[in-house]
Amino acid sequence: MNEQARALLLKAADVQETNGLHQGGYYDRRQAAQELLDMRKCRVCALGAIATAAGLFPNEIMSGFPGASTARQAAGLLAAYLIEHNLAIPSEEGPLPVVGTNWADRPGQTAAGVASVMRAAVRDIR
């Protein structure tokens, strides 16, 4: 697997722990508005953490901006791990729904848990 994507996923795990987990969107818009925070400092979903770690705004993982391609590769690495370990179901739409809707948005997920799985994916998949 692409070493840049692996390194990015490790960095995303740190972002996830630092910012906290948001479910149902790339970042917590309410937190951004109430606390007048840059969206990169708000709680983020797993995909938002990956995008933020790539130097993007949390909602730019599908953009054409520099770093977005590597962010999508990191999401693909994580999706492959999730599917292989039966933590999420495959999606015909690709790896992003696997990571987001099928896994990170499930009730009971925590920032620490999401970060732990991100790190496990990097250790496990070569």
N, C-alpha and C. Protein backbone atom coordinates (compact mmCIF):
# COMPACT_ATOMS: atom_id res chain seq x y z
N MET A 1 0.87 -1.19 0.00
CA MET A 1 0.00 0.00 0.00
C MET A 1 0.90 1.23 0.00
N ASN A 2 0.42 2.27 -0.59
CA ASN A 2 1.11 3.54 -0.69
C ASN A 2 1.55 4.02 0.70
N GLU A 3 2.85 4.26 0.86
CA GLU A 3 3.39 4.69 2.16
C GLU A 3 2.85 6.06 2.58
N GLN A 4 2.59 6.93 1.61
CA GLN A 4 2.02 8.24 1.95
C GLN A 4 0.63 8.08 2.54
N ALA A 5 -0.15 7.17 1.98
CA ALA A 5 -1.50 6.93 2.50
C ALA A 5 -1.44 6.33 3.90
N ARG A 6 -0.51 5.44 4.13
CA ARG A 6 -0.34 4.83 5.46
C ARG A 6 0.05 5.91 6.48
N ALA A 7 1.01 6.76 6.13
CA ALA A 7 1.44 7.83 7.04
C ALA A 7 0.28 8.80 7.30
N LEU A 8 -0.49 9.08 6.27
CA LEU A 8 -1.63 9.98 6.42
C LEU A 8 -2.68 9.39 7.35
N LEU A 9 -2.92 8.10 7.25
CA LEU A 9 -3.90 7.46 8.12
C LEU A 9 -3.44 7.51 9.59
N LEU A 10 -2.15 7.38 9.83
CA LEU A 10 -1.64 7.52 11.21
C LEU A 10 -1.85 8.95 11.71
N LYS A 11 -1.59 9.91 10.85
CA LYS A 11 -1.81 11.32 11.23
C LYS A 11 -3.31 11.58 11.46
N ALA A 12 -4.16 10.96 10.66
CA ALA A 12 -5.60 11.12 10.81
C ALA A 12 -6.06 10.56 12.16
N ALA A 13 -5.44 9.49 12.62
CA ALA A 13 -5.78 8.94 13.94
C ALA A 13 -5.51 9.97 15.03
N ASP A 14 -4.42 10.70 14.90
CA ASP A 14 -4.10 11.76 15.86
C ASP A 14 -5.13 12.88 15.79
N VAL A 15 -5.51 13.26 14.57
CA VAL A 15 -6.54 14.30 14.40
C VAL A 15 -7.84 13.86 15.05
N GLN A 16 -8.21 12.60 14.82
CA GLN A 16 -9.46 12.08 15.37
C GLN A 16 -9.47 12.18 16.89
N GLU A 17 -8.37 11.78 17.51
CA GLU A 17 -8.28 11.85 18.97
C GLU A 17 -8.28 13.29 19.48
N THR A 18 -7.58 14.15 18.80
CA THR A 18 -7.47 15.55 19.23
C THR A 18 -8.79 16.30 19.06
N ASN A 19 -9.41 16.15 17.90
CA ASN A 19 -10.62 16.92 17.59
C ASN A 19 -11.89 16.30 18.17
N GLY A 20 -11.91 14.99 18.29
CA GLY A 20 -13.11 14.28 18.72
C GLY A 20 -13.90 13.80 17.52
N LEU A 21 -14.84 12.90 17.78
CA LEU A 21 -15.63 12.28 16.72
C LEU A 21 -16.94 13.01 16.49
N HIS A 22 -17.23 13.25 15.23
CA HIS A 22 -18.53 13.76 14.82
C HIS A 22 -19.15 12.72 13.89
N GLN A 23 -20.42 12.48 14.05
CA GLN A 23 -21.11 11.52 13.21
C GLN A 23 -22.18 12.23 12.37
N GLY A 24 -22.36 11.74 11.16
CA GLY A 24 -23.40 12.28 10.31
C GLY A 24 -22.97 13.43 9.43
N GLY A 25 -21.72 13.74 9.40
CA GLY A 25 -21.20 14.81 8.56
C GLY A 25 -19.69 14.86 8.70
N TYR A 26 -19.04 15.55 7.80
CA TYR A 26 -17.58 15.61 7.82
C TYR A 26 -17.04 16.31 9.07
N TYR A 27 -17.76 17.34 9.53
CA TYR A 27 -17.34 18.05 10.74
C TYR A 27 -18.57 18.60 11.43
N ASP A 28 -18.39 19.01 12.67
CA ASP A 28 -19.50 19.49 13.49
C ASP A 28 -19.74 20.98 13.19
N ARG A 29 -20.69 21.24 12.32
CA ARG A 29 -21.00 22.62 11.92
C ARG A 29 -21.51 23.45 13.09
N ARG A 30 -22.28 22.84 13.96
CA ARG A 30 -22.80 23.55 15.13
C ARG A 30 -21.65 24.01 16.04
N GLN A 31 -20.70 23.13 16.27
CA GLN A 31 -19.54 23.49 17.08
C GLN A 31 -18.76 24.63 16.43
N ALA A 32 -18.58 24.56 15.13
CA ALA A 32 -17.86 25.61 14.40
C ALA A 32 -18.53 26.96 14.59
N ALA A 33 -19.86 26.98 14.48
CA ALA A 33 -20.60 28.24 14.61
C ALA A 33 -20.63 28.75 16.05
N GLN A 34 -20.90 27.87 16.98
CA GLN A 34 -21.02 28.29 18.39
C GLN A 34 -19.69 28.73 18.99
N GLU A 35 -18.63 28.02 18.64
CA GLU A 35 -17.32 28.32 19.22
C GLU A 35 -16.44 29.15 18.30
N LEU A 36 -16.98 29.52 17.14
CA LEU A 36 -16.25 30.30 16.13
C LEU A 36 -14.91 29.64 15.80
N LEU A 37 -14.99 28.33 15.55
CA LEU A 37 -13.80 27.55 15.26
C LEU A 37 -13.64 27.32 13.76
N ASP A 38 -12.39 27.24 13.33
CA ASP A 38 -12.07 26.75 12.00
C ASP A 38 -12.57 25.31 11.94
N MET A 39 -13.19 24.92 10.86
CA MET A 39 -13.76 23.57 10.78
C MET A 39 -12.71 22.48 10.98
N ARG A 40 -11.44 22.79 10.74
CA ARG A 40 -10.37 21.80 10.94
C ARG A 40 -10.06 21.57 12.41
N LYS A 41 -10.63 22.39 13.28
CA LYS A 41 -10.43 22.24 14.73
C LYS A 41 -11.65 21.63 15.41
N CYS A 42 -12.71 21.43 14.66
CA CYS A 42 -13.96 20.88 15.21
C CYS A 42 -13.91 19.36 15.24
N ARG A 43 -14.90 18.80 15.93
CA ARG A 43 -15.08 17.35 15.87
C ARG A 43 -15.27 16.96 14.41
N VAL A 44 -14.67 15.84 14.02
CA VAL A 44 -14.72 15.39 12.64
C VAL A 44 -15.08 13.91 12.57
N CYS A 45 -15.65 13.52 11.45
CA CYS A 45 -15.87 12.10 11.20
C CYS A 45 -14.53 11.49 10.77
N ALA A 46 -14.52 10.19 10.58
CA ALA A 46 -13.28 9.52 10.17
C ALA A 46 -12.75 10.09 8.85
N LEU A 47 -13.65 10.33 7.89
CA LEU A 47 -13.23 10.89 6.61
C LEU A 47 -12.76 12.33 6.77
N GLY A 48 -13.43 13.08 7.65
CA GLY A 48 -13.01 14.45 7.93
C GLY A 48 -11.64 14.49 8.58
N ALA A 49 -11.35 13.51 9.42
CA ALA A 49 -10.03 13.43 10.06
C ALA A 49 -8.96 13.15 9.02
N ILE A 50 -9.26 12.26 8.08
CA ILE A 50 -8.30 11.95 7.02
C ILE A 50 -8.06 13.19 6.15
N ALA A 51 -9.12 13.87 5.77
CA ALA A 51 -8.97 15.09 4.95
C ALA A 51 -8.18 16.15 5.71
N THR A 52 -8.50 16.35 6.98
CA THR A 52 -7.80 17.35 7.78
C THR A 52 -6.32 17.01 7.89
N ALA A 53 -6.01 15.74 8.10
CA ALA A 53 -4.62 15.31 8.19
C ALA A 53 -3.86 15.57 6.88
N ALA A 54 -4.60 15.57 5.77
CA ALA A 54 -4.00 15.83 4.46
C ALA A 54 -3.85 17.33 4.18
N GLY A 55 -4.25 18.18 5.12
CA GLY A 55 -4.15 19.62 4.93
C GLY A 55 -5.36 20.23 4.24
N LEU A 56 -6.42 19.45 4.13
CA LEU A 56 -7.65 19.91 3.50
C LEU A 56 -8.65 20.32 4.56
N PHE A 57 -9.74 20.95 4.13
CA PHE A 57 -10.88 21.11 5.02
C PHE A 57 -11.54 19.75 5.13
N PRO A 58 -12.23 19.46 6.22
CA PRO A 58 -12.81 18.13 6.42
C PRO A 58 -13.73 17.66 5.31
N ASN A 59 -14.39 18.57 4.63
CA ASN A 59 -15.34 18.20 3.58
C ASN A 59 -14.73 18.19 2.18
N GLU A 60 -13.41 18.21 2.07
CA GLU A 60 -12.77 18.29 0.76
C GLU A 60 -12.12 16.99 0.29
N ILE A 61 -12.48 15.87 0.90
CA ILE A 61 -11.84 14.60 0.53
C ILE A 61 -12.13 14.22 -0.92
N MET A 62 -13.24 14.66 -1.46
CA MET A 62 -13.58 14.34 -2.84
C MET A 62 -13.16 15.44 -3.82
N SER A 63 -12.46 16.42 -3.34
CA SER A 63 -12.06 17.54 -4.20
C SER A 63 -10.87 17.14 -5.08
N GLY A 64 -10.48 18.04 -5.92
CA GLY A 64 -9.30 17.86 -6.74
C GLY A 64 -8.09 18.57 -6.17
N PHE A 65 -8.23 19.07 -4.95
CA PHE A 65 -7.13 19.81 -4.33
C PHE A 65 -5.95 18.89 -4.02
N PRO A 66 -4.73 19.45 -3.98
CA PRO A 66 -3.57 18.63 -3.63
C PRO A 66 -3.79 17.94 -2.28
N GLY A 67 -3.49 16.68 -2.24
CA GLY A 67 -3.66 15.90 -1.02
C GLY A 67 -4.93 15.08 -1.00
N ALA A 68 -5.92 15.45 -1.80
CA ALA A 68 -7.19 14.72 -1.78
C ALA A 68 -7.04 13.30 -2.31
N SER A 69 -6.22 13.12 -3.31
CA SER A 69 -6.01 11.78 -3.86
C SER A 69 -5.39 10.86 -2.81
N THR A 70 -4.40 11.35 -2.10
CA THR A 70 -3.78 10.55 -1.03
C THR A 70 -4.78 10.32 0.09
N ALA A 71 -5.62 11.30 0.37
CA ALA A 71 -6.65 11.12 1.40
C ALA A 71 -7.61 10.01 1.00
N ARG A 72 -8.00 9.97 -0.25
CA ARG A 72 -8.89 8.90 -0.71
C ARG A 72 -8.20 7.54 -0.66
N GLN A 73 -6.91 7.51 -0.94
CA GLN A 73 -6.15 6.27 -0.82
C GLN A 73 -6.11 5.79 0.63
N ALA A 74 -5.92 6.72 1.56
CA ALA A 74 -5.92 6.37 2.98
C ALA A 74 -7.29 5.83 3.39
N ALA A 75 -8.35 6.45 2.90
CA ALA A 75 -9.70 5.96 3.18
C ALA A 75 -9.89 4.57 2.59
N GLY A 76 -9.32 4.33 1.43
CA GLY A 76 -9.38 3.01 0.81
C GLY A 76 -8.65 1.96 1.63
N LEU A 77 -7.50 2.32 2.16
CA LEU A 77 -6.75 1.41 3.03
C LEU A 77 -7.60 1.05 4.25
N LEU A 78 -8.20 2.06 4.87
CA LEU A 78 -9.04 1.83 6.04
C LEU A 78 -10.26 0.98 5.68
N ALA A 79 -10.89 1.27 4.56
CA ALA A 79 -12.06 0.51 4.13
C ALA A 79 -11.69 -0.95 3.91
N ALA A 80 -10.56 -1.22 3.29
CA ALA A 80 -10.13 -2.60 3.06
C ALA A 80 -9.95 -3.34 4.38
N TYR A 81 -9.36 -2.67 5.34
CA TYR A 81 -9.17 -3.26 6.67
C TYR A 81 -10.53 -3.55 7.33
N LEU A 82 -11.42 -2.60 7.27
CA LEU A 82 -12.74 -2.76 7.89
C LEU A 82 -13.50 -3.94 7.28
N ILE A 83 -13.45 -4.06 5.98
CA ILE A 83 -14.15 -5.15 5.30
C ILE A 83 -13.48 -6.48 5.64
N GLU A 84 -12.15 -6.51 5.58
CA GLU A 84 -11.41 -7.75 5.85
C GLU A 84 -11.68 -8.27 7.27
N HIS A 85 -11.87 -7.36 8.22
CA HIS A 85 -12.08 -7.74 9.61
C HIS A 85 -13.56 -7.73 10.00
N ASN A 86 -14.43 -7.68 9.00
CA ASN A 86 -15.88 -7.72 9.22
C ASN A 86 -16.39 -6.62 10.15
N LEU A 87 -15.77 -5.46 10.06
CA LEU A 87 -16.20 -4.30 10.85
C LEU A 87 -17.16 -3.41 10.07
N ALA A 88 -17.19 -3.60 8.75
CA ALA A 88 -18.09 -2.82 7.89
C ALA A 88 -18.40 -3.66 6.65
N ILE A 89 -19.49 -3.32 6.02
CA ILE A 89 -19.87 -4.03 4.80
C ILE A 89 -19.42 -3.25 3.57
N PRO A 90 -19.09 -3.96 2.50
CA PRO A 90 -18.69 -3.28 1.27
C PRO A 90 -19.82 -2.40 0.73
N SER A 91 -19.45 -1.44 -0.08
CA SER A 91 -20.41 -0.57 -0.72
C SER A 91 -20.11 -0.51 -2.21
N GLU A 92 -21.14 -0.57 -3.01
CA GLU A 92 -20.96 -0.44 -4.46
C GLU A 92 -20.46 0.95 -4.83
N GLU A 93 -20.60 1.90 -3.90
CA GLU A 93 -20.19 3.28 -4.16
C GLU A 93 -18.73 3.52 -3.83
N GLY A 94 -18.02 2.51 -3.34
CA GLY A 94 -16.60 2.65 -3.07
C GLY A 94 -16.27 2.71 -1.59
N PRO A 95 -15.04 3.09 -1.26
CA PRO A 95 -14.57 3.03 0.12
C PRO A 95 -15.11 4.11 1.06
N LEU A 96 -15.51 5.26 0.54
CA LEU A 96 -15.93 6.33 1.44
C LEU A 96 -17.18 5.96 2.24
N PRO A 97 -18.22 5.39 1.63
CA PRO A 97 -19.37 4.97 2.44
C PRO A 97 -19.02 3.86 3.43
N VAL A 98 -18.07 3.00 3.07
CA VAL A 98 -17.65 1.94 3.99
C VAL A 98 -17.11 2.55 5.27
N VAL A 99 -16.25 3.53 5.12
CA VAL A 99 -15.63 4.18 6.28
C VAL A 99 -16.64 5.04 7.02
N GLY A 100 -17.41 5.81 6.30
CA GLY A 100 -18.33 6.74 6.95
C GLY A 100 -19.60 6.08 7.43
N THR A 101 -20.53 5.91 6.55
CA THR A 101 -21.86 5.42 6.90
C THR A 101 -21.85 4.02 7.49
N ASN A 102 -21.06 3.12 6.91
CA ASN A 102 -21.10 1.72 7.32
C ASN A 102 -20.29 1.42 8.58
N TRP A 103 -19.47 2.36 9.02
CA TRP A 103 -18.64 2.08 10.18
C TRP A 103 -18.60 3.23 11.19
N ALA A 104 -18.00 4.34 10.83
CA ALA A 104 -17.75 5.42 11.80
C ALA A 104 -19.03 6.08 12.32
N ASP A 105 -20.10 6.03 11.54
CA ASP A 105 -21.36 6.65 11.97
C ASP A 105 -22.24 5.72 12.80
N ARG A 106 -21.77 4.53 13.06
CA ARG A 106 -22.56 3.60 13.88
C ARG A 106 -22.65 4.10 15.32
N PRO A 107 -23.78 3.87 15.96
CA PRO A 107 -23.92 4.24 17.37
C PRO A 107 -22.85 3.54 18.22
N GLY A 108 -22.35 4.27 19.19
CA GLY A 108 -21.37 3.71 20.11
C GLY A 108 -19.92 3.94 19.72
N GLN A 109 -19.69 4.43 18.52
CA GLN A 109 -18.30 4.72 18.12
C GLN A 109 -17.76 5.88 18.94
N THR A 110 -16.46 5.85 19.21
CA THR A 110 -15.79 6.94 19.91
C THR A 110 -14.57 7.39 19.12
N ALA A 111 -14.09 8.56 19.42
CA ALA A 111 -12.89 9.06 18.75
C ALA A 111 -11.71 8.13 19.00
N ALA A 112 -11.55 7.68 20.23
CA ALA A 112 -10.44 6.78 20.57
C ALA A 112 -10.57 5.46 19.83
N GLY A 113 -11.79 4.95 19.73
CA GLY A 113 -12.01 3.69 19.01
C GLY A 113 -11.73 3.81 17.54
N VAL A 114 -12.17 4.90 16.93
CA VAL A 114 -11.92 5.12 15.51
C VAL A 114 -10.42 5.26 15.27
N ALA A 115 -9.74 6.04 16.11
CA ALA A 115 -8.29 6.22 15.96
C ALA A 115 -7.55 4.90 16.13
N SER A 116 -7.98 4.10 17.06
CA SER A 116 -7.34 2.80 17.29
C SER A 116 -7.45 1.90 16.06
N VAL A 117 -8.60 1.88 15.43
CA VAL A 117 -8.78 1.06 14.23
C VAL A 117 -7.96 1.63 13.07
N MET A 118 -7.86 2.94 12.96
CA MET A 118 -7.02 3.53 11.92
C MET A 118 -5.58 3.05 12.07
N ARG A 119 -5.07 3.06 13.28
CA ARG A 119 -3.69 2.62 13.52
C ARG A 119 -3.54 1.12 13.26
N ALA A 120 -4.54 0.34 13.63
CA ALA A 120 -4.50 -1.09 13.38
C ALA A 120 -4.46 -1.38 11.88
N ALA A 121 -5.20 -0.60 11.12
CA ALA A 121 -5.21 -0.79 9.66
C ALA A 121 -3.81 -0.57 9.08
N VAL A 122 -3.13 0.44 9.57
CA VAL A 122 -1.78 0.72 9.06
C VAL A 122 -0.84 -0.42 9.44
N ARG A 123 -0.96 -0.94 10.63
CA ARG A 123 -0.09 -2.05 11.05
C ARG A 123 -0.40 -3.33 10.28
N ASP A 124 -1.66 -3.55 9.98
CA ASP A 124 -2.10 -4.83 9.44
C ASP A 124 -1.97 -4.96 7.93
N ILE A 125 -2.27 -3.92 7.20
CA ILE A 125 -2.31 -4.01 5.74
C ILE A 125 -1.03 -3.44 5.16
N ARG A 126 -0.43 -4.22 4.31
CA ARG A 126 0.83 -3.81 3.67
C ARG A 126 0.62 -3.57 2.20
